[in-house]
Amino acid sequence: MTDTRQIDGVTDAAAARAAAARLAARHGVPALERARLAATLGARLRQCLAEGGTWRLTLGVRGADSGGGALHAVLEPSPDASSAGEGTRWETTVPLPAADRPGGTGDSDSDSDSDSDMVPGDDPAALSQALMSADADTALVLDRLAEQEALVAFHRDELHQTNQGVLALHAELDAAGRAQREAFAAERRARNEAENARRRLTFLADASAVLNTSLNHGEIVRRLPELLVPRYAAEVGIWLFDEEDDPHHPMTRPAATVRAARTGRPQYAADHPGGLRGVDDLPPSVLHPDRPLLCVPLLTHRAPLGVLTLSPPGERWDPDDAVMLIELTRRAGIAIDNARRFEHNRDIAETLQRALLTELPTTPGLSLAARYLPATHGMNIGGDWYDAFHRPDGSLITVIGDVTGHGLHAAVMMSQLRTALRAYAVDDGSPGLLLTRLHKFLHRLQPNLYATAVIARFHPDESTLTWAAAGHPPPVLRLPDGRVRTLDAKPGAMLGIPLEQEIADHTEQVAPGSTLTLYTDGLVERRAEGIDPGIERLSAALGSFGPAELDTDLEGAADRILKPLLSDSERDDDVCLLLCHLQG
């Protein structure tokens, strides 16, 4: 079916537009497509009317019998008009639904007209009816458009809410990220602070160990700047009050140093406040105006010893480093005080011990040689002692002993034992009886102090040697022929232990050329091997002398005995040696 129309004016254009809409409606074209077809065709018709001339609109349906098909519209200038327009040919195709609406008759390819699709231009009522039908399609489209607008508004609200949720989520994620970054930063700061604290504590422990291992206050004063420069201080000055007359120390000192000495409080002199707890802030020093000074007194339990003056390695100290330096200074003051007290006690003990180690007596036919070497560690003064004296009956008493412990107390007890032995020896008594009386004396005088000793008695009219031992290493006897014997008869227990004992005497035959060696455990005892290997070395050293060497040079023999036995320069205990040689 084909509908061809001549369009000369606006009435023809309106009738053609209405005919296209009715044809589309008849063949089941949806209202939206009908409205789009009518709107597009109407716009094209207005353009044609504006151009002028006569136009021809051809409407037709093709392929409707096959169940598909399309509505075809062609708008072009009319070829038989005298004033044909010169416009461009326009055509469009609208697909029809799969099933055409019932009621349609006629051959789609015939040229006959259909009364239902014809809209006469000169019939206003029919034209109005057609336009109203087109408006119905437009209203339907507008309703559909309203629905779509409502749907768009609904989706717009949902999208807005979704955007708000996304923004809130992003805000939460940003806040969580910011909190996580702050937590990581706080963790790093805490880790750095812990590492710095560990570093300071490690340095403080190591430095304290270095200072406390030395018992020489001069060594402590020398090592203190070595520990601090350059890590914690650029310069270190130490002012000891009792060394003010030393020409190597400056006489002019910063005001902060003097104030620290007077007040006993740390002082901080700088052009900025230090803000250190327990430290007084002062103006910068006139002697050193370009650098801060931290002046800390060297305090002890009694009185300040001096002042430690420090300048920072940079512009200023970290507050925690300054606190650590103040603590180290306190420990250094205690270490210096302990070293000085030790040196004082050591001087007293050395003086006392030198006074007690008197010269050996001269006895016809008997030579004596003694050696005493203090320990190289600790107080250097112990309770080792030797003595030799004549008794009223003409016999010679030789003794060597060892009081437990070191220091002044051990030296005093050794002096008391020596004095008591000389007093007991005035009366007639064998070595065993003398040791028994010393045992009772020591137990009553000092219940918690013990000692060991060996006493040997030589008589000019007898060829026998009487000796007794109390917990002491056994004497060693060298015979005239060079053989060496260890006098290991059962000794008594240590002197002073809470035990009643009677110490027995032992007798040995001695001939001219014999040498009795008395010694303390410091000569033969080593921690790694015990005492027996040391006694064997002592016996070998005694047996190495020729027949006349001991007669001619007993003092030199004593030195030659010590040399192989004391090869180490460091000794943990005192060494005492007494040689008694019967002239050959």
Protein backbone atom coordinates (compact mmCIF):
# COMPACT_ATOMS: atom_id res chain seq x y z
CA MET A 1 0.00 0.00 0.00
CA THR A 2 1.38 3.36 -1.07
CA ASP A 3 0.12 6.87 -0.27
CA THR A 4 1.51 9.74 -2.33
CA ARG A 5 0.71 13.37 -1.45
CA GLN A 6 1.45 16.73 -3.03
CA ILE A 7 2.40 19.37 -0.48
CA ASP A 8 1.96 22.98 -1.46
CA GLY A 9 1.15 24.58 1.86
CA VAL A 10 0.88 24.17 5.58
CA THR A 11 -2.50 22.40 5.34
CA ASP A 12 -1.10 19.77 3.04
CA ALA A 13 1.89 19.39 5.35
CA ALA A 14 -0.35 18.88 8.41
CA ALA A 15 -2.49 16.33 6.55
CA ALA A 16 0.63 14.47 5.38
CA ARG A 17 2.04 14.38 8.90
CA ALA A 18 -1.27 13.05 10.27
CA ALA A 19 -1.47 10.42 7.49
CA ALA A 20 2.03 9.14 8.36
CA ALA A 21 1.06 8.85 12.03
CA ARG A 22 -2.18 7.01 11.22
CA LEU A 23 -0.43 4.63 8.85
CA ALA A 24 2.15 3.82 11.52
CA ALA A 25 -0.58 3.29 14.12
CA ARG A 26 -2.51 1.02 11.77
CA HIS A 27 0.49 -1.23 11.30
CA GLY A 28 1.23 -1.50 15.01
CA VAL A 29 4.23 0.85 15.27
CA PRO A 30 4.72 1.66 18.97
CA ALA A 31 3.64 5.06 20.16
CA LEU A 32 7.21 6.15 20.87
CA GLU A 33 8.29 5.32 17.33
CA ARG A 34 5.14 6.96 15.90
CA ALA A 35 5.85 10.12 17.86
CA ARG A 36 9.47 10.11 16.75
CA LEU A 37 8.36 9.56 13.10
CA ALA A 38 5.78 12.35 13.32
CA ALA A 39 8.24 14.77 14.97
CA THR A 40 10.99 14.04 12.45
CA LEU A 41 8.60 14.26 9.48
CA GLY A 42 7.05 17.49 10.84
CA ALA A 43 10.49 19.12 11.21
CA ARG A 44 11.37 18.08 7.65
CA LEU A 45 8.03 19.41 6.28
CA ARG A 46 8.58 22.80 8.00
CA GLN A 47 11.97 22.94 6.36
CA CYS A 48 10.41 22.16 2.95
CA LEU A 49 7.71 24.85 3.40
CA ALA A 50 10.45 27.30 4.31
CA GLU A 51 12.30 26.45 1.09
CA GLY A 52 9.10 26.81 -0.98
CA GLY A 53 7.93 24.88 -4.00
CA THR A 54 5.87 21.72 -4.31
CA TRP A 55 6.92 18.58 -2.56
CA ARG A 56 5.83 14.98 -2.81
CA LEU A 57 5.51 12.64 0.19
CA THR A 58 5.35 8.95 -0.51
CA LEU A 59 4.26 6.63 2.32
CA GLY A 60 4.28 2.88 1.93
CA VAL A 61 4.57 -0.42 3.75
CA ARG A 62 6.85 -3.11 2.36
CA GLY A 63 7.14 -6.78 3.37
CA ALA A 64 4.12 -6.80 5.67
CA ASP A 65 2.90 -10.21 4.37
CA SER A 66 6.10 -11.90 5.48
CA GLY A 67 5.43 -10.98 9.11
CA GLY A 68 8.06 -8.25 9.30
CA GLY A 69 8.42 -5.33 6.98
CA ALA A 70 8.89 -1.63 7.46
CA LEU A 71 7.07 1.64 6.93
CA HIS A 72 8.90 3.68 4.32
CA ALA A 73 8.56 7.47 3.87
CA VAL A 74 10.17 9.55 1.12
CA LEU A 75 9.97 13.34 0.88
CA GLU A 76 11.29 14.89 -2.33
CA PRO A 77 10.55 17.72 -4.71
CA SER A 78 7.58 17.06 -6.94
CA PRO A 79 8.80 16.35 -10.50
CA ASP A 80 5.66 17.57 -12.30
CA ALA A 81 5.38 20.94 -10.57
CA SER A 82 6.34 23.98 -12.60
CA SER A 83 8.26 25.48 -9.66
CA ALA A 84 9.81 22.41 -8.14
CA GLY A 85 11.89 22.95 -5.12
CA GLU A 86 15.53 22.30 -5.21
CA GLY A 87 15.72 20.74 -1.80
CA THR A 88 17.39 17.52 -0.87
CA ARG A 89 15.53 14.26 -1.00
CA TRP A 90 14.70 12.83 2.45
CA GLU A 91 13.58 9.35 3.39
CA THR A 92 13.22 7.24 6.51
CA THR A 93 12.27 3.69 7.42
CA VAL A 94 10.46 2.56 10.55
CA PRO A 95 10.51 -1.19 11.31
CA LEU A 96 7.12 -2.79 11.85
CA PRO A 97 6.40 -5.25 14.67
CA ALA A 98 6.74 -8.97 13.92
CA ALA A 99 2.95 -9.39 13.61
CA ASP A 100 0.98 -6.74 11.82
CA ARG A 101 -2.30 -5.58 13.33
CA PRO A 102 -5.44 -7.24 11.90
CA GLY A 103 -7.83 -5.35 9.72
CA GLY A 104 -5.42 -4.15 7.09
CA THR A 105 -6.56 -4.84 3.50
CA GLY A 106 -5.20 -4.27 0.16
CA ASP A 107 -2.00 -5.03 -1.52
CA SER A 108 0.91 -3.18 -0.06
CA ASP A 109 2.38 -2.76 -3.52
CA SER A 110 -0.85 -1.47 -5.18
CA ASP A 111 -1.42 2.16 -5.99
CA SER A 112 -5.03 2.22 -4.57
CA ASP A 113 -5.74 4.57 -1.71
CA SER A 114 -7.17 3.54 1.67
CA ASP A 115 -9.98 5.63 3.08
CA SER A 116 -8.77 5.07 6.60
CA ASP A 117 -5.36 6.50 5.95
CA MET A 118 -6.44 9.37 3.72
CA VAL A 119 -6.69 12.72 5.54
CA PRO A 120 -8.16 15.35 3.22
CA GLY A 121 -6.61 18.70 3.61
CA ASP A 122 -9.87 20.57 3.04
CA ASP A 123 -11.76 18.78 5.83
CA PRO A 124 -10.95 20.61 9.10
CA ALA A 125 -12.76 18.05 11.23
CA ALA A 126 -10.77 15.14 9.84
CA LEU A 127 -7.55 17.08 10.09
CA SER A 128 -8.30 18.01 13.67
CA GLN A 129 -9.10 14.37 14.44
CA ALA A 130 -5.77 13.31 12.98
CA LEU A 131 -3.86 15.98 14.91
CA MET A 132 -5.57 14.93 18.12
CA SER A 133 -4.54 11.34 17.49
CA ALA A 134 -0.96 12.55 17.04
CA ASP A 135 -1.27 14.50 20.30
CA ALA A 136 -2.40 11.31 22.02
CA ASP A 137 0.81 9.63 20.90
CA THR A 138 2.75 12.64 22.12
CA ALA A 139 0.98 12.49 25.50
CA LEU A 140 1.82 8.82 25.75
CA VAL A 141 5.43 9.61 24.97
CA LEU A 142 5.37 12.37 27.57
CA ASP A 143 3.98 9.91 30.12
CA ARG A 144 6.73 7.49 29.25
CA LEU A 145 9.20 10.34 29.47
CA ALA A 146 7.81 11.28 32.89
CA GLU A 147 8.28 7.71 34.03
CA GLN A 148 11.82 7.76 32.74
CA GLU A 149 12.43 11.08 34.44
CA ALA A 150 11.10 9.64 37.71
CA LEU A 151 13.31 6.60 37.21
CA VAL A 152 16.28 8.85 36.45
CA ALA A 153 15.52 10.91 39.55
CA PHE A 154 15.31 7.70 41.60
CA HIS A 155 18.61 6.48 40.22
CA ARG A 156 20.04 9.96 40.70
CA ASP A 157 19.09 9.79 44.39
CA GLU A 158 20.54 6.32 44.67
CA LEU A 159 23.71 7.49 42.93
CA HIS A 160 23.90 10.49 45.25
CA GLN A 161 23.51 8.25 48.27
CA THR A 162 26.08 5.87 46.83
CA ASN A 163 28.41 8.81 46.24
CA GLN A 164 27.83 9.96 49.79
CA GLY A 165 28.65 6.44 51.00
CA VAL A 166 31.74 6.32 48.81
CA LEU A 167 32.80 9.72 50.12
CA ALA A 168 32.19 8.56 53.68
CA LEU A 169 34.11 5.37 52.96
CA HIS A 170 36.93 7.39 51.45
CA ALA A 171 36.88 9.65 54.50
CA GLU A 172 37.03 6.62 56.79
CA LEU A 173 39.80 5.07 54.72
CA ASP A 174 41.68 8.36 54.77
CA ALA A 175 41.21 8.63 58.53
CA ALA A 176 42.29 5.00 58.95
CA GLY A 177 45.33 5.62 56.74
CA ARG A 178 46.17 8.77 58.67
CA ALA A 179 45.79 6.91 61.97
CA GLN A 180 47.92 4.08 60.63
CA ARG A 181 50.61 6.52 59.52
CA GLU A 182 50.51 8.20 62.90
CA ALA A 183 50.76 4.79 64.59
CA PHE A 184 53.73 3.87 62.40
CA ALA A 185 55.37 7.21 63.17
CA ALA A 186 54.74 6.73 66.89
CA GLU A 187 56.13 3.21 66.65
CA ARG A 188 59.24 4.48 64.89
CA ARG A 189 59.67 7.17 67.51
CA ALA A 190 59.21 4.64 70.30
CA ARG A 191 61.66 2.27 68.61
CA ASN A 192 64.20 5.06 68.19
CA GLU A 193 63.75 6.17 71.78
CA ALA A 194 64.13 2.58 72.98
CA GLU A 195 67.25 2.12 70.85
CA ASN A 196 68.71 5.38 72.15
CA ALA A 197 67.89 4.38 75.72
CA ARG A 198 69.51 0.98 75.16
CA ARG A 199 72.57 2.69 73.67
CA ARG A 200 72.87 5.03 76.65
CA LEU A 201 72.41 2.22 79.18
CA THR A 202 74.97 0.06 77.38
CA PHE A 203 77.48 2.92 77.32
CA LEU A 204 76.80 3.70 80.98
CA ALA A 205 77.28 0.05 81.99
CA ASP A 206 80.47 -0.34 79.93
CA ALA A 207 81.94 2.94 81.13
CA SER A 208 81.09 2.12 84.76
CA ALA A 209 82.80 -1.25 84.40
CA VAL A 210 85.92 0.44 83.00
CA LEU A 211 86.01 2.98 85.83
CA ASN A 212 85.35 0.48 88.61
CA THR A 213 87.92 -2.08 87.47
CA SER A 214 90.77 0.30 88.22
CA LEU A 215 91.92 0.98 91.78
CA ASN A 216 94.21 3.81 90.72
CA HIS A 217 92.47 7.17 90.85
CA GLY A 218 94.94 8.65 88.36
CA GLU A 219 94.04 5.93 85.86
CA ILE A 220 90.33 6.69 86.33
CA VAL A 221 90.91 10.41 85.77
CA ARG A 222 92.90 9.64 82.63
CA ARG A 223 90.35 7.24 81.16
CA LEU A 224 87.24 9.32 81.84
CA PRO A 225 87.87 11.79 78.95
CA GLU A 226 88.77 8.89 76.65
CA LEU A 227 85.33 7.40 77.27
CA LEU A 228 83.41 10.63 76.60
CA VAL A 229 85.30 12.27 73.70
CA PRO A 230 84.11 12.64 70.94
CA ARG A 231 80.83 10.76 71.30
CA TYR A 232 79.28 12.70 74.17
CA ALA A 233 81.63 15.64 74.66
CA ALA A 234 83.99 17.80 72.63
CA GLU A 235 86.17 18.61 75.63
CA VAL A 236 86.36 17.30 79.19
CA GLY A 237 87.94 19.09 82.12
CA ILE A 238 88.44 17.44 85.53
CA TRP A 239 89.10 19.55 88.60
CA LEU A 240 90.10 17.62 91.73
CA PHE A 241 90.15 19.81 94.80
CA ASP A 242 93.29 18.26 96.33
CA GLU A 243 95.29 18.76 93.12
CA GLU A 244 94.97 22.55 92.91
CA ASP A 245 98.73 22.95 93.37
CA ASP A 246 99.43 20.82 90.29
CA PRO A 247 101.09 23.13 87.67
CA HIS A 248 99.49 21.13 84.86
CA HIS A 249 95.98 22.21 85.90
CA PRO A 250 94.67 25.73 85.12
CA MET A 251 94.09 28.11 87.99
CA THR A 252 91.31 30.08 86.21
CA ARG A 253 88.04 28.20 86.05
CA PRO A 254 84.57 29.02 84.67
CA ALA A 255 82.11 30.52 87.11
CA ALA A 256 79.73 27.57 86.57
CA THR A 257 82.48 25.16 87.65
CA VAL A 258 83.10 27.13 90.84
CA ARG A 259 79.36 27.34 91.55
CA ALA A 260 79.00 23.57 91.07
CA ALA A 261 81.87 23.06 93.54
CA ARG A 262 80.24 25.33 96.13
CA THR A 263 76.63 24.14 95.81
CA GLY A 264 77.16 20.50 94.94
CA ARG A 265 74.54 20.84 92.17
CA PRO A 266 75.07 20.49 88.39
CA GLN A 267 75.23 23.79 86.49
CA TYR A 268 74.48 24.56 82.82
CA ALA A 269 76.06 27.73 81.43
CA ALA A 270 74.81 28.76 77.95
CA ASP A 271 72.98 31.48 76.04
CA HIS A 272 69.84 29.32 76.09
CA PRO A 273 68.10 27.47 78.94
CA GLY A 274 69.04 23.81 79.18
CA GLY A 275 65.74 22.64 80.65
CA LEU A 276 67.51 19.77 82.42
CA ARG A 277 65.95 18.35 85.56
CA GLY A 278 68.02 19.01 88.67
CA VAL A 279 70.41 21.34 86.79
CA ASP A 280 70.68 25.09 87.39
CA ASP A 281 70.78 27.37 84.33
CA LEU A 282 73.43 30.11 84.25
CA PRO A 283 74.50 32.73 81.69
CA PRO A 284 77.24 31.73 79.25
CA SER A 285 80.75 31.50 80.63
CA VAL A 286 83.01 34.49 80.16
CA LEU A 287 85.94 32.13 79.48
CA HIS A 288 83.97 30.14 76.90
CA PRO A 289 81.12 32.35 75.61
CA ASP A 290 80.72 30.47 72.33
CA ARG A 291 79.83 27.04 73.72
CA PRO A 292 77.61 25.60 76.47
CA LEU A 293 79.20 24.12 79.57
CA LEU A 294 77.80 21.35 81.77
CA CYS A 295 79.54 21.37 85.15
CA VAL A 296 78.79 18.33 87.35
CA PRO A 297 80.29 17.85 90.84
CA LEU A 298 82.11 14.58 91.57
CA LEU A 299 80.09 13.62 94.63
CA THR A 300 80.92 10.94 97.19
CA HIS A 301 79.31 9.73 100.38
CA ARG A 302 81.32 12.26 102.38
CA ALA A 303 82.13 15.39 100.37
CA PRO A 304 82.63 16.48 96.75
CA LEU A 305 85.99 15.50 95.28
CA GLY A 306 85.92 17.92 92.37
CA VAL A 307 83.97 19.01 89.30
CA LEU A 308 83.68 17.54 85.81
CA THR A 309 83.25 20.24 83.10
CA LEU A 310 81.93 19.15 79.69
CA SER A 311 81.29 20.90 76.39
CA PRO A 312 78.83 19.31 73.91
CA PRO A 313 79.97 17.64 70.67
CA GLY A 314 77.45 19.81 68.77
CA GLU A 315 75.40 22.87 69.56
CA ARG A 316 73.77 21.33 72.62
CA TRP A 317 73.11 18.02 74.35
CA ASP A 318 70.12 15.81 74.04
CA PRO A 319 68.34 16.03 77.46
CA ASP A 320 68.57 12.25 77.94
CA ASP A 321 72.28 12.29 77.09
CA ALA A 322 72.82 15.02 79.69
CA VAL A 323 71.01 12.94 82.33
CA MET A 324 73.22 9.96 81.44
CA LEU A 325 76.37 12.14 81.74
CA ILE A 326 75.29 13.32 85.19
CA GLU A 327 74.80 9.71 86.31
CA LEU A 328 78.16 8.68 84.87
CA THR A 329 79.82 11.57 86.71
CA ARG A 330 78.24 10.39 89.96
CA ARG A 331 79.63 6.89 89.41
CA ALA A 332 83.02 8.29 88.45
CA GLY A 333 83.13 10.23 91.72
CA ILE A 334 82.40 7.07 93.70
CA ALA A 335 85.04 5.15 91.71
CA ILE A 336 87.66 7.84 92.34
CA ASP A 337 86.79 7.91 96.05
CA ASN A 338 87.02 4.12 96.32
CA ALA A 339 90.35 4.12 94.51
CA ARG A 340 91.74 6.76 96.85
CA ARG A 341 90.56 4.91 99.93
CA PHE A 342 92.09 1.75 98.55
CA GLU A 343 95.39 3.51 97.86
CA HIS A 344 95.35 4.93 101.38
CA ASN A 345 94.75 1.50 102.95
CA ARG A 346 97.33 -0.07 100.69
CA ASP A 347 99.97 2.46 101.75
CA ILE A 348 99.22 1.76 105.39
CA ALA A 349 99.34 -2.00 104.85
CA GLU A 350 102.59 -1.82 102.90
CA THR A 351 104.15 0.32 105.60
CA LEU A 352 103.00 -2.11 108.28
CA GLN A 353 104.18 -5.15 106.41
CA ARG A 354 107.60 -3.70 105.64
CA ALA A 355 107.97 -2.95 109.33
CA LEU A 356 107.10 -6.55 110.23
CA LEU A 357 109.46 -8.22 107.73
CA THR A 358 112.56 -7.71 109.84
CA GLU A 359 116.09 -8.76 109.00
CA LEU A 360 116.92 -12.42 109.44
CA PRO A 361 119.22 -13.31 112.34
CA THR A 362 122.76 -14.62 111.84
CA THR A 363 123.42 -18.12 113.10
CA PRO A 364 126.76 -19.95 112.90
CA GLY A 365 126.54 -22.88 110.47
CA LEU A 366 123.07 -21.89 109.25
CA SER A 367 122.26 -19.51 106.39
CA LEU A 368 118.86 -17.93 105.86
CA ALA A 369 117.37 -16.24 102.79
CA ALA A 370 113.81 -14.94 102.42
CA ARG A 371 111.71 -13.42 99.68
CA TYR A 372 108.30 -11.70 99.82
CA LEU A 373 106.38 -10.66 96.69
CA PRO A 374 102.94 -9.07 97.06
CA ALA A 375 100.09 -9.95 94.70
CA THR A 376 99.73 -7.82 91.58
CA HIS A 377 95.92 -7.77 91.83
CA GLY A 378 93.71 -6.25 94.46
CA MET A 379 95.17 -4.73 97.60
CA ASN A 380 98.64 -6.16 96.84
CA ILE A 381 98.99 -6.77 100.59
CA GLY A 382 98.01 -10.05 102.15
CA GLY A 383 98.60 -12.08 105.27
CA ASP A 384 101.73 -13.95 104.13
CA TRP A 385 104.62 -13.60 106.57
CA TYR A 386 107.86 -15.18 107.66
CA ASP A 387 110.03 -14.80 110.73
CA ALA A 388 113.17 -16.26 112.30
CA PHE A 389 114.46 -15.66 115.84
CA HIS A 390 116.63 -17.26 118.53
CA ARG A 391 115.27 -18.77 121.68
CA PRO A 392 116.94 -18.57 125.08
CA ASP A 393 118.19 -22.18 124.73
CA GLY A 394 120.15 -21.21 121.59
CA SER A 395 117.84 -22.89 119.10
CA LEU A 396 116.55 -21.08 116.03
CA ILE A 397 112.84 -20.87 115.28
CA THR A 398 111.85 -20.32 111.64
CA VAL A 399 108.24 -19.83 110.72
CA ILE A 400 106.22 -19.06 107.61
CA GLY A 401 102.47 -18.47 107.59
CA ASP A 402 99.47 -17.19 105.69
CA VAL A 403 96.44 -15.38 107.10
CA THR A 404 93.28 -15.67 105.00
CA GLY A 405 92.24 -12.55 103.15
CA HIS A 406 94.01 -9.46 101.93
CA GLY A 407 94.32 -5.86 102.94
CA LEU A 408 94.94 -3.99 106.11
CA HIS A 409 92.94 -6.35 108.30
CA ALA A 410 94.98 -9.37 107.17
CA ALA A 411 98.23 -7.48 107.73
CA VAL A 412 97.16 -6.52 111.27
CA MET A 413 96.24 -10.10 112.13
CA MET A 414 99.55 -11.32 110.70
CA SER A 415 101.31 -8.83 113.02
CA GLN A 416 99.39 -10.11 116.04
CA LEU A 417 100.20 -13.75 115.20
CA ARG A 418 103.87 -12.90 114.78
CA THR A 419 103.93 -11.09 118.13
CA ALA A 420 102.05 -13.90 119.88
CA LEU A 421 104.41 -16.53 118.48
CA ARG A 422 107.47 -14.66 119.72
CA ALA A 423 105.84 -14.35 123.14
CA TYR A 424 104.97 -18.04 123.31
CA ALA A 425 108.43 -19.05 122.10
CA VAL A 426 110.08 -17.45 125.14
CA ASP A 427 108.94 -20.42 127.15
CA ASP A 428 110.22 -23.81 126.17
CA GLY A 429 107.92 -25.40 123.65
CA SER A 430 108.12 -27.55 120.54
CA PRO A 431 106.84 -26.34 117.16
CA GLY A 432 103.66 -28.40 117.56
CA LEU A 433 102.94 -26.89 120.96
CA LEU A 434 103.54 -23.38 119.63
CA LEU A 435 101.09 -23.96 116.77
CA THR A 436 98.52 -25.39 119.21
CA ARG A 437 98.73 -22.26 121.35
CA LEU A 438 98.46 -20.03 118.23
CA HIS A 439 95.38 -21.98 117.18
CA LYS A 440 93.64 -21.24 120.49
CA PHE A 441 94.79 -17.64 120.42
CA LEU A 442 93.40 -17.00 116.94
CA HIS A 443 90.11 -18.78 117.63
CA ARG A 444 89.47 -16.65 120.68
CA LEU A 445 90.69 -13.41 119.14
CA GLN A 446 89.07 -13.67 115.69
CA PRO A 447 86.56 -16.56 115.44
CA ASN A 448 85.95 -15.91 111.72
CA LEU A 449 89.59 -15.57 110.69
CA TYR A 450 91.87 -18.48 109.84
CA ALA A 451 95.56 -19.00 109.15
CA THR A 452 98.08 -21.67 108.13
CA ALA A 453 101.68 -21.94 109.31
CA VAL A 454 104.80 -24.14 109.42
CA ILE A 455 107.33 -23.87 112.28
CA ALA A 456 110.78 -25.47 112.11
CA ARG A 457 113.34 -25.56 114.96
CA PHE A 458 117.08 -25.94 114.46
CA HIS A 459 119.44 -26.64 117.42
CA PRO A 460 123.16 -26.09 117.02
CA ASP A 461 124.01 -29.10 119.22
CA GLU A 462 121.65 -31.51 117.46
CA SER A 463 121.58 -32.97 113.94
CA THR A 464 117.80 -33.17 113.94
CA LEU A 465 115.11 -30.85 112.61
CA THR A 466 111.82 -30.59 114.47
CA TRP A 467 108.87 -29.17 112.57
CA ALA A 468 105.09 -28.97 112.67
CA ALA A 469 102.48 -27.73 110.19
CA ALA A 470 98.88 -26.49 110.49
CA GLY A 471 96.98 -26.59 107.21
CA HIS A 472 100.06 -25.32 105.30
CA PRO A 473 101.76 -26.69 102.16
CA PRO A 474 104.44 -29.25 103.20
CA PRO A 475 108.09 -28.20 103.60
CA VAL A 476 110.58 -29.41 101.02
CA LEU A 477 113.99 -30.72 102.15
CA ARG A 478 117.00 -30.93 99.85
CA LEU A 479 119.58 -33.46 101.02
CA PRO A 480 123.34 -32.91 100.63
CA ASP A 481 123.50 -35.33 97.69
CA GLY A 482 120.93 -33.28 95.72
CA ARG A 483 117.91 -35.47 96.34
CA VAL A 484 114.72 -33.65 97.30
CA ARG A 485 112.05 -34.86 99.71
CA THR A 486 108.63 -33.48 100.49
CA LEU A 487 107.94 -33.59 104.22
CA ASP A 488 104.31 -34.65 103.87
CA ALA A 489 103.72 -36.09 107.32
CA LYS A 490 100.12 -35.52 108.46
CA PRO A 491 99.73 -31.85 109.41
CA GLY A 492 97.29 -30.27 111.79
CA ALA A 493 94.16 -28.42 110.71
CA MET A 494 94.06 -24.71 109.95
CA LEU A 495 94.60 -22.33 112.82
CA GLY A 496 91.47 -20.71 114.17
CA ILE A 497 88.88 -23.24 113.03
CA PRO A 498 86.25 -24.16 115.63
CA LEU A 499 87.98 -27.43 116.54
CA GLU A 500 90.00 -28.59 119.53
CA GLN A 501 93.31 -29.97 118.29
CA GLU A 502 96.79 -30.84 119.48
CA ILE A 503 99.26 -30.37 116.65
CA ALA A 504 101.99 -33.00 116.55
CA ASP A 505 105.74 -32.56 116.04
CA HIS A 506 107.79 -34.29 113.35
CA THR A 507 111.53 -34.94 113.39
CA GLU A 508 113.98 -35.28 110.50
CA GLN A 509 117.69 -36.07 110.53
CA VAL A 510 119.62 -33.37 108.72
CA ALA A 511 123.26 -33.31 107.74
CA PRO A 512 125.47 -30.39 106.72
CA GLY A 513 124.61 -29.30 103.19
CA SER A 514 120.87 -29.86 103.70
CA THR A 515 118.41 -27.10 102.77
CA LEU A 516 114.90 -26.72 104.19
CA THR A 517 112.46 -24.72 102.06
CA LEU A 518 109.38 -23.12 103.61
CA TYR A 519 106.87 -21.30 101.34
CA THR A 520 103.28 -20.15 100.99
CA ASP A 521 100.71 -21.43 98.52
CA GLY A 522 101.13 -18.40 96.26
CA LEU A 523 104.45 -19.88 95.08
CA VAL A 524 103.15 -23.26 93.96
CA GLU A 525 99.38 -23.01 93.49
CA ARG A 526 97.74 -22.21 90.15
CA ARG A 527 94.00 -22.15 89.53
CA ALA A 528 94.14 -24.35 86.48
CA GLU A 529 96.29 -27.15 87.95
CA GLY A 530 96.25 -27.11 91.75
CA ILE A 531 99.21 -27.33 94.12
CA ASP A 532 100.97 -30.67 93.42
CA PRO A 533 102.50 -29.67 90.03
CA GLY A 534 103.85 -26.52 91.69
CA ILE A 535 105.53 -28.51 94.47
CA GLU A 536 107.11 -30.73 91.82
CA ARG A 537 108.50 -27.66 90.04
CA LEU A 538 109.87 -26.35 93.34
CA SER A 539 111.57 -29.71 94.03
CA ALA A 540 113.08 -29.72 90.54
CA ALA A 541 114.42 -26.20 91.05
CA LEU A 542 116.04 -27.17 94.35
CA GLY A 543 117.58 -30.31 92.89
CA SER A 544 119.12 -28.34 90.03
CA PHE A 545 121.74 -26.61 92.20
CA GLY A 546 125.29 -27.86 92.47
CA PRO A 547 126.87 -28.99 95.79
CA ALA A 548 128.52 -25.65 96.55
CA GLU A 549 126.00 -23.17 95.07
CA LEU A 550 123.78 -23.09 98.13
CA ASP A 551 126.81 -22.69 100.42
CA THR A 552 128.23 -19.73 98.53
CA ASP A 553 125.17 -17.79 97.30
CA LEU A 554 121.93 -18.60 99.07
CA GLU A 555 120.42 -15.21 98.18
CA GLY A 556 121.03 -15.79 94.48
CA ALA A 557 119.64 -19.30 94.84
CA ALA A 558 116.41 -17.84 96.23
CA ASP A 559 116.07 -15.62 93.14
CA ARG A 560 116.78 -18.50 90.78
CA ILE A 561 114.11 -20.62 92.48
CA LEU A 562 111.47 -17.90 92.07
CA LYS A 563 112.17 -17.24 88.41
CA PRO A 564 110.81 -20.50 86.86
CA LEU A 565 107.98 -20.72 89.36
CA LEU A 566 106.75 -17.14 88.77
CA SER A 567 107.00 -16.88 85.00
CA ASP A 568 103.72 -14.94 84.87
CA SER A 569 103.95 -11.25 85.66
CA GLU A 570 100.41 -11.26 87.13
CA ARG A 571 99.87 -12.86 90.54
CA ASP A 572 96.58 -13.28 92.36
CA ASP A 573 98.22 -14.10 95.72
CA ASP A 574 101.22 -13.15 97.79
CA VAL A 575 104.41 -15.20 97.54
CA CYS A 576 106.64 -15.93 100.51
CA LEU A 577 109.80 -18.08 100.47
CA LEU A 578 112.25 -18.94 103.31
CA LEU A 579 115.43 -21.01 102.69
CA CYS A 580 117.26 -22.55 105.68
CA HIS A 581 120.63 -24.03 104.64
CA LEU A 582 123.02 -25.95 106.88
CA GLN A 583 126.55 -25.12 105.80
CA GLY A 584 128.39 -28.07 104.29
